[in-house]
């Protein structure tokens, strides 16, 4: 292979969007939020303070999450001391709402790729890791660039912990964590079991919250999506996997799978909240952008044409006397604003009116003009 081709191959970016959430991570995040006392009302209040109009999708997602959290709280009772010891954040790390600096998270997160749906088997497998493997897993939460061997000597681990800029009590807790890991893992798994059982029965609600996020992801170019949602810089030769994160709705977590793949868990409300904070998500902005796109008579006529039935590219080209490239240009604009869906059937690419998004657009107009 020529050097030029090698350079081109190095620059190639790949990312796969995974449609399924990780129920073990969701369980950890739920208990982390619960230990931190962060309910969804706090997020709703922050949104209200922004002064921008949240989308109907965002409001519906918060409603579903509030209902699901109440159900989990009811069905998964926990002593407060146990909750705080296992799922409360240790002091000194960056503040977070999903418990990513809790004892349970330190012990389990870096091994999520071992979880295959059987929580008890996963717990036994992680508890049986030797001391160097366990040390690597804990240190992976607060230290980057760990050995690819997925092992860390006890001395290396102790040096990393003692070098942290965290309170002395947190350093002691991290040193004890390695020593007491087996019994702590057992207790964490016992707490997680009813949570995962409840989540398994609530898949419809989780999918309802996840669906709009995945739909938006499919409409974007992978590299643009990666840059918006991830805090990472893409590395040559790495395959990225993106999974939705429900209880970490505004969070972003990465997990190196150790085989040239990196999974990152992206909060399903992250883009919505980013747009809201930046002021790009007000009802006025949303309506204005669609008005601007539909100000083109051809795009408006195409949208009206799609009210009656789905249409493929050649049909639209014939109907409006335009080249296929021009049709693609207009359809990309309509897909960007979410009013049109695209589906491939054999060799034909069909376009259809997204009636749900059209209804949301009409609701946003109502939000804007009914303010009186």
Protein backbone atom coordinates (compact mmCIF):
# COMPACT_ATOMS: atom_id res chain seq x y z
CA UNK A 1 0.00 0.00 0.00
CA UNK A 2 1.31 3.47 -0.89
CA UNK A 3 2.05 6.03 1.83
CA UNK A 4 -0.67 8.25 0.42
CA UNK A 5 -3.26 5.48 0.79
CA UNK A 6 -1.99 4.70 4.28
CA UNK A 7 -2.52 8.33 5.30
CA UNK A 8 -6.01 8.32 3.80
CA UNK A 9 -6.83 5.14 5.68
CA UNK A 10 -5.53 6.63 8.93
CA UNK A 11 -7.89 9.57 8.57
CA UNK A 12 -10.93 7.36 8.01
CA UNK A 13 -13.45 7.71 10.82
CA UNK A 14 -15.82 4.92 11.79
CA UNK A 15 -18.60 4.99 14.35
CA UNK A 16 -21.42 2.54 14.92
CA UNK A 17 -24.62 3.64 16.62
CA UNK A 18 -25.93 0.96 18.98
CA UNK A 19 -29.68 1.06 19.51
CA UNK A 20 -29.64 -0.69 22.89
CA UNK A 21 -28.91 0.89 26.24
CA UNK A 22 -26.81 -0.93 28.84
CA UNK A 23 -29.17 -1.87 31.67
CA UNK A 24 -26.30 -2.42 34.16
CA UNK A 25 -24.95 1.09 33.50
CA UNK A 26 -28.50 2.46 33.78
CA UNK A 27 -28.86 0.74 37.15
CA UNK A 28 -25.59 2.22 38.40
CA UNK A 29 -26.59 5.68 37.17
CA UNK A 30 -30.05 5.48 38.73
CA UNK A 31 -28.61 4.57 42.14
CA UNK A 32 -25.90 7.24 41.71
CA UNK A 33 -28.53 9.90 41.05
CA UNK A 34 -30.57 8.63 43.99
CA UNK A 35 -27.58 8.80 46.35
CA UNK A 36 -26.80 12.32 45.17
CA UNK A 37 -30.42 13.39 45.73
CA UNK A 38 -30.72 14.50 42.11
CA UNK A 39 -34.23 13.98 40.80
CA UNK A 40 -35.52 15.10 37.43
CA UNK A 41 -37.31 18.08 38.98
CA UNK A 42 -33.89 19.74 39.40
CA UNK A 43 -33.21 19.39 35.67
CA UNK A 44 -36.68 20.74 34.85
CA UNK A 45 -35.96 23.76 37.06
CA UNK A 46 -32.63 24.39 35.31
CA UNK A 47 -34.40 24.27 31.97
CA UNK A 48 -37.02 26.74 33.16
CA UNK A 49 -34.28 29.13 34.32
CA UNK A 50 -32.77 29.20 30.80
CA UNK A 51 -35.73 31.22 29.53
CA UNK A 52 -35.85 29.19 26.30
CA UNK A 53 -38.68 26.98 25.17
CA UNK A 54 -37.87 23.28 25.61
CA UNK A 55 -39.04 21.00 22.84
CA UNK A 56 -42.11 18.79 23.39
CA UNK A 57 -39.78 15.77 23.11
CA UNK A 58 -37.66 17.02 26.01
CA UNK A 59 -40.68 17.71 28.21
CA UNK A 60 -42.13 14.29 27.42
CA UNK A 61 -38.80 12.58 28.18
CA UNK A 62 -38.58 14.28 31.58
CA UNK A 63 -42.15 13.23 32.37
CA UNK A 64 -41.35 9.58 31.53
CA UNK A 65 -38.11 9.67 33.57
CA UNK A 66 -39.88 11.18 36.59
CA UNK A 67 -42.52 8.43 36.45
CA UNK A 68 -39.93 5.67 36.01
CA UNK A 69 -37.79 6.99 38.89
CA UNK A 70 -40.78 7.02 41.24
CA UNK A 71 -41.49 3.40 40.31
CA UNK A 72 -37.85 2.39 40.91
CA UNK A 73 -37.80 4.21 44.26
CA UNK A 74 -40.94 2.34 45.30
CA UNK A 75 -39.85 -1.13 44.16
CA UNK A 76 -36.19 -0.93 45.20
CA UNK A 77 -36.00 0.09 48.87
CA UNK A 78 -32.49 0.65 50.24
CA UNK A 79 -31.11 1.68 53.59
CA UNK A 80 -29.70 5.18 53.24
CA UNK A 81 -26.35 4.20 54.78
CA UNK A 82 -25.94 1.35 52.28
CA UNK A 83 -26.95 3.60 49.38
CA UNK A 84 -24.44 6.29 50.33
CA UNK A 85 -21.56 3.92 51.07
CA UNK A 86 -21.85 2.06 47.77
CA UNK A 87 -23.30 4.59 45.32
CA UNK A 88 -22.51 7.99 46.81
CA UNK A 89 -19.65 9.93 45.19
CA UNK A 90 -16.31 10.02 46.99
CA UNK A 91 -15.16 13.57 47.73
CA UNK A 92 -12.67 15.42 45.58
CA UNK A 93 -13.67 14.24 42.12
CA UNK A 94 -15.50 16.36 39.59
CA UNK A 95 -19.11 16.68 40.67
CA UNK A 96 -21.47 14.43 38.77
CA UNK A 97 -25.04 13.22 39.05
CA UNK A 98 -24.61 9.57 38.04
CA UNK A 99 -22.30 8.35 40.79
CA UNK A 100 -19.27 7.85 38.56
CA UNK A 101 -16.96 8.37 41.54
CA UNK A 102 -18.80 5.95 43.84
CA UNK A 103 -17.34 2.72 45.19
CA UNK A 104 -19.69 0.58 43.08
CA UNK A 105 -18.81 2.53 39.94
CA UNK A 106 -15.07 2.24 40.60
CA UNK A 107 -15.40 -1.52 40.99
CA UNK A 108 -17.76 -2.32 38.10
CA UNK A 109 -17.63 0.27 35.31
CA UNK A 110 -14.36 -0.69 33.62
CA UNK A 111 -15.62 -4.27 33.35
CA UNK A 112 -19.00 -3.49 31.76
CA UNK A 113 -17.92 -5.28 28.59
CA UNK A 114 -17.99 -8.54 30.59
CA UNK A 115 -21.69 -8.16 31.41
CA UNK A 116 -23.87 -10.46 29.26
CA UNK A 117 -27.23 -10.02 30.96
CA UNK A 118 -26.64 -12.27 33.98
CA UNK A 119 -25.93 -9.97 36.93
CA UNK A 120 -24.99 -12.74 39.39
CA UNK A 121 -22.52 -14.28 36.93
CA UNK A 122 -21.06 -10.84 36.19
CA UNK A 123 -20.61 -10.16 39.90
CA UNK A 124 -18.80 -13.45 40.44
CA UNK A 125 -16.57 -12.86 37.42
CA UNK A 126 -15.51 -9.39 38.58
CA UNK A 127 -15.03 -10.55 42.17
CA UNK A 128 -12.73 -13.34 40.93
CA UNK A 129 -10.37 -10.96 39.11
CA UNK A 130 -6.91 -10.99 40.64
CA UNK A 131 -5.55 -7.99 42.51
CA UNK A 132 -3.69 -6.51 39.53
CA UNK A 133 -6.74 -6.73 37.25
CA UNK A 134 -8.94 -5.20 39.94
CA UNK A 135 -6.42 -2.39 40.52
CA UNK A 136 -6.43 -1.61 36.79
CA UNK A 137 -10.23 -1.45 36.77
CA UNK A 138 -10.46 0.95 39.71
CA UNK A 139 -7.64 3.21 38.47
CA UNK A 140 -9.23 3.40 35.02
CA UNK A 141 -11.90 5.72 36.43
CA UNK A 142 -9.45 8.46 37.42
CA UNK A 143 -6.33 7.78 35.31
CA UNK A 144 -5.83 7.68 31.53
CA UNK A 145 -3.20 5.77 29.57
CA UNK A 146 -3.20 2.62 31.69
CA UNK A 147 -1.37 -0.51 30.41
CA UNK A 148 -3.07 -2.35 27.54
CA UNK A 149 -2.49 -5.54 29.51
CA UNK A 150 -5.40 -4.45 31.75
CA UNK A 151 -3.21 -5.06 34.80
CA UNK A 152 -1.66 -2.73 37.36
CA UNK A 153 0.65 -3.73 40.19
CA UNK A 154 -0.45 -2.89 43.70
CA UNK A 155 2.50 -0.52 44.06
CA UNK A 156 1.57 1.30 40.84
CA UNK A 157 -2.01 1.57 42.05
CA UNK A 158 -0.98 2.95 45.43
CA UNK A 159 1.32 5.50 43.79
CA UNK A 160 -1.51 6.71 41.53
CA UNK A 161 -3.94 7.01 44.45
CA UNK A 162 -1.49 8.84 46.70
CA UNK A 163 -0.69 11.25 43.86
CA UNK A 164 -4.34 12.32 43.44
CA UNK A 165 -5.41 15.82 44.43
CA UNK A 166 -8.30 14.60 46.59
CA UNK A 167 -8.96 14.64 50.35
CA UNK A 168 -7.01 12.18 52.50
CA UNK A 169 -10.23 10.36 53.37
CA UNK A 170 -10.87 9.64 49.70
CA UNK A 171 -7.34 8.27 49.23
CA UNK A 172 -7.86 5.95 52.20
CA UNK A 173 -11.24 4.85 50.77
CA UNK A 174 -9.61 4.01 47.40
CA UNK A 175 -6.84 2.00 49.04
CA UNK A 176 -9.40 0.10 51.13
CA UNK A 177 -11.54 -0.43 48.04
CA UNK A 178 -8.95 -2.71 46.48
CA UNK A 179 -8.62 -4.69 49.72
CA UNK A 180 -12.36 -5.03 50.40
CA UNK A 181 -13.49 -5.37 46.78
CA UNK A 182 -15.02 -8.88 46.99
CA UNK A 183 -17.53 -8.13 49.72
CA UNK A 184 -18.30 -4.68 48.29
CA UNK A 185 -19.01 -6.17 44.85
CA UNK A 186 -21.38 -8.67 46.45
CA UNK A 187 -23.27 -5.91 48.26
CA UNK A 188 -23.45 -3.73 45.13
CA UNK A 189 -24.81 -6.61 43.03
CA UNK A 190 -27.44 -7.32 45.69
CA UNK A 191 -28.59 -3.67 45.51
CA UNK A 192 -28.57 -3.66 41.72
CA UNK A 193 -30.58 -6.86 41.26
CA UNK A 194 -34.09 -5.44 41.94
CA UNK A 195 -33.21 -2.30 39.95
CA UNK A 196 -32.30 -4.29 36.85
CA UNK A 197 -35.41 -6.42 37.26
CA UNK A 198 -37.55 -3.29 37.35
CA UNK A 199 -35.74 -1.80 34.35
CA UNK A 200 -36.34 -5.00 32.38
CA UNK A 201 -40.07 -4.51 32.91
CA UNK A 202 -39.83 -0.85 31.90
CA UNK A 203 -38.12 -1.26 28.53
CA UNK A 204 -41.01 0.41 26.72
CA UNK A 205 -40.50 3.60 28.76
CA UNK A 206 -36.72 3.54 28.26
CA UNK A 207 -37.16 3.04 24.52
CA UNK A 208 -39.67 5.87 24.38
CA UNK A 209 -37.08 8.26 25.81
CA UNK A 210 -34.33 6.85 23.59
CA UNK A 211 -36.19 6.77 20.26
CA UNK A 212 -36.05 10.52 19.34
CA UNK A 213 -32.33 10.64 20.18
CA UNK A 214 -31.52 7.66 17.94
CA UNK A 215 -33.67 9.06 15.15
CA UNK A 216 -31.74 12.33 15.23
CA UNK A 217 -28.41 10.46 15.33
CA UNK A 218 -29.28 8.53 12.17
CA UNK A 219 -29.84 11.78 10.29
CA UNK A 220 -26.39 13.18 11.02
CA UNK A 221 -22.98 12.44 9.57
CA UNK A 222 -21.10 10.18 12.04
CA UNK A 223 -18.08 12.47 12.45
CA UNK A 224 -20.24 15.56 13.03
CA UNK A 225 -22.31 13.63 15.54
CA UNK A 226 -19.17 12.41 17.32
CA UNK A 227 -17.78 15.94 17.63
CA UNK A 228 -21.08 17.24 19.04
CA UNK A 229 -21.73 14.50 21.56
CA UNK A 230 -18.30 13.29 22.64
CA UNK A 231 -15.61 14.99 24.65
CA UNK A 232 -13.01 12.83 22.88
CA UNK A 233 -10.66 13.56 19.98
CA UNK A 234 -11.02 10.83 17.33
CA UNK A 235 -7.94 8.62 17.05
CA UNK A 236 -6.80 6.91 13.82
CA UNK A 237 -7.51 3.21 13.69
CA UNK A 238 -10.09 3.26 16.50
CA UNK A 239 -13.63 2.01 15.94
CA UNK A 240 -16.13 3.98 18.00
CA UNK A 241 -19.39 2.57 19.30
CA UNK A 242 -22.03 4.95 20.63
CA UNK A 243 -24.73 3.72 23.02
CA UNK A 244 -27.64 5.76 24.41
CA UNK A 245 -27.53 6.61 28.11
CA UNK A 246 -30.93 7.25 29.69
CA UNK A 247 -30.31 7.89 33.40
CA UNK A 248 -27.19 9.82 32.45
CA UNK A 249 -29.38 11.99 30.25
CA UNK A 250 -26.88 14.86 30.00
CA UNK A 251 -23.72 12.80 30.61
CA UNK A 252 -20.96 11.41 28.45
CA UNK A 253 -18.85 8.41 29.49
CA UNK A 254 -16.19 6.51 27.54
CA UNK A 255 -15.03 2.91 27.92
CA UNK A 256 -11.95 1.51 26.16
CA UNK A 257 -12.83 -2.05 25.18
CA UNK A 258 -9.14 -2.88 24.69
CA UNK A 259 -9.38 -4.30 21.15
CA UNK A 260 -9.20 -1.15 19.05
CA UNK A 261 -12.75 -0.21 19.99
CA UNK A 262 -13.99 2.56 22.26
CA UNK A 263 -17.58 2.70 23.44
CA UNK A 264 -19.01 5.98 24.58
CA UNK A 265 -22.31 6.31 26.36
CA UNK A 266 -24.11 9.49 25.40
CA UNK A 267 -26.98 11.02 27.34
CA UNK A 268 -30.14 10.87 25.26
CA UNK A 269 -31.04 14.46 26.15
CA UNK A 270 -27.52 15.81 25.69
CA UNK A 271 -28.06 17.52 22.32
CA UNK A 272 -31.42 18.91 23.42
CA UNK A 273 -29.89 20.39 26.56
CA UNK A 274 -26.83 21.74 24.71
CA UNK A 275 -29.08 23.49 22.22
CA UNK A 276 -31.25 24.84 24.99
CA UNK A 277 -28.28 26.26 26.91
CA UNK A 278 -26.81 27.81 23.77
CA UNK A 279 -30.13 29.44 22.93
CA UNK A 280 -30.54 27.54 19.68
CA UNK A 281 -33.58 25.63 20.89
CA UNK A 282 -36.13 28.34 21.50
CA UNK A 283 -39.51 27.99 19.81
CA UNK A 284 -38.71 31.14 17.84
CA UNK A 285 -35.43 29.72 16.50
CA UNK A 286 -37.03 26.39 15.61
CA UNK A 287 -39.94 27.94 13.76
CA UNK A 288 -37.76 30.54 12.04
CA UNK A 289 -35.37 27.89 10.69
CA UNK A 290 -38.20 25.84 9.17
CA UNK A 291 -39.82 28.98 7.73
CA UNK A 292 -36.49 29.82 6.13
CA UNK A 293 -36.18 26.38 4.55
CA UNK A 294 -39.77 26.36 3.34
CA UNK A 295 -39.33 29.85 1.92
CA UNK A 296 -37.96 28.08 -1.14
CA UNK A 297 -41.07 27.41 -3.31
CA UNK A 298 -39.69 24.12 -4.63
CA UNK A 299 -39.09 22.70 -1.16
CA UNK A 300 -42.54 23.84 -0.07
CA UNK A 301 -44.15 22.20 -3.12
CA UNK A 302 -42.23 18.95 -2.50
CA UNK A 303 -43.37 18.88 1.12
CA UNK A 304 -46.99 19.38 0.02
CA UNK A 305 -46.58 16.62 -2.56
CA UNK A 306 -45.41 14.21 0.14
CA UNK A 307 -48.60 14.74 2.14
CA UNK A 308 -50.39 12.29 -0.12
CA UNK A 309 -47.86 9.49 -0.45
CA UNK A 310 -44.21 8.46 -0.23
CA UNK A 311 -42.14 9.24 -3.31
CA UNK A 312 -38.82 8.06 -4.71
CA UNK A 313 -36.14 10.29 -6.22
CA UNK A 314 -36.90 9.64 -9.89
CA UNK A 315 -40.59 10.30 -9.29
CA UNK A 316 -39.84 13.65 -7.68
CA UNK A 317 -37.37 14.48 -10.44
CA UNK A 318 -40.06 13.84 -13.07
CA UNK A 319 -42.80 15.60 -11.12
CA UNK A 320 -40.85 18.83 -10.61
CA UNK A 321 -38.64 18.78 -13.71
CA UNK A 322 -35.42 18.80 -11.67
CA UNK A 323 -32.24 16.72 -11.80
CA UNK A 324 -31.75 13.98 -9.26
CA UNK A 325 -28.87 15.89 -7.67
CA UNK A 326 -31.12 18.92 -7.17
CA UNK A 327 -33.80 16.71 -5.62
CA UNK A 328 -31.21 15.23 -3.25
CA UNK A 329 -30.13 18.75 -2.27
CA UNK A 330 -33.66 19.81 -1.39
CA UNK A 331 -34.44 16.56 0.43
CA UNK A 332 -31.29 16.85 2.55
CA UNK A 333 -32.46 20.28 3.68
CA UNK A 334 -35.90 18.94 4.57
CA UNK A 335 -34.36 16.01 6.45
CA UNK A 336 -32.05 18.35 8.36
CA UNK A 337 -35.04 20.18 9.79
CA UNK A 338 -36.72 16.85 10.57
CA UNK A 339 -39.80 17.16 8.38
CA UNK A 340 -38.93 14.33 5.99
CA UNK A 341 -37.79 10.74 6.46
CA UNK A 342 -35.70 8.71 4.04
CA UNK A 343 -35.88 4.95 3.52
CA UNK A 344 -34.09 2.69 1.04
CA UNK A 345 -36.07 -0.11 -0.57
CA UNK A 346 -34.00 -2.16 -2.99
CA UNK A 347 -32.38 0.28 -5.39
CA UNK A 348 -34.86 3.04 -4.68
CA UNK A 349 -34.63 5.77 -2.05
CA UNK A 350 -38.06 6.78 -0.80
CA UNK A 351 -38.96 10.00 1.00
CA UNK A 352 -41.93 10.44 3.29
CA UNK A 353 -43.41 13.19 5.40
CA UNK A 354 -42.53 12.78 9.08
CA UNK A 355 -46.00 13.44 10.44
CA UNK A 356 -44.88 13.32 14.06
CA UNK A 357 -42.25 16.01 13.44
CA UNK A 358 -44.74 18.08 11.44
CA UNK A 359 -47.10 17.96 14.42
CA UNK A 360 -44.27 19.09 16.71
CA UNK A 361 -43.52 21.96 14.34
CA UNK A 362 -47.15 23.06 14.58
CA UNK A 363 -46.98 22.82 18.37
CA UNK A 364 -43.87 25.01 18.39
CA UNK A 365 -45.67 27.65 16.36
CA UNK A 366 -48.43 27.55 18.92
CA UNK A 367 -45.89 27.97 21.75
CA UNK A 368 -44.44 30.98 19.96
CA UNK A 369 -47.63 32.79 18.95
CA UNK A 370 -49.80 31.97 21.95
CA UNK A 371 -47.48 33.75 24.40
CA UNK A 372 -49.65 36.81 24.25
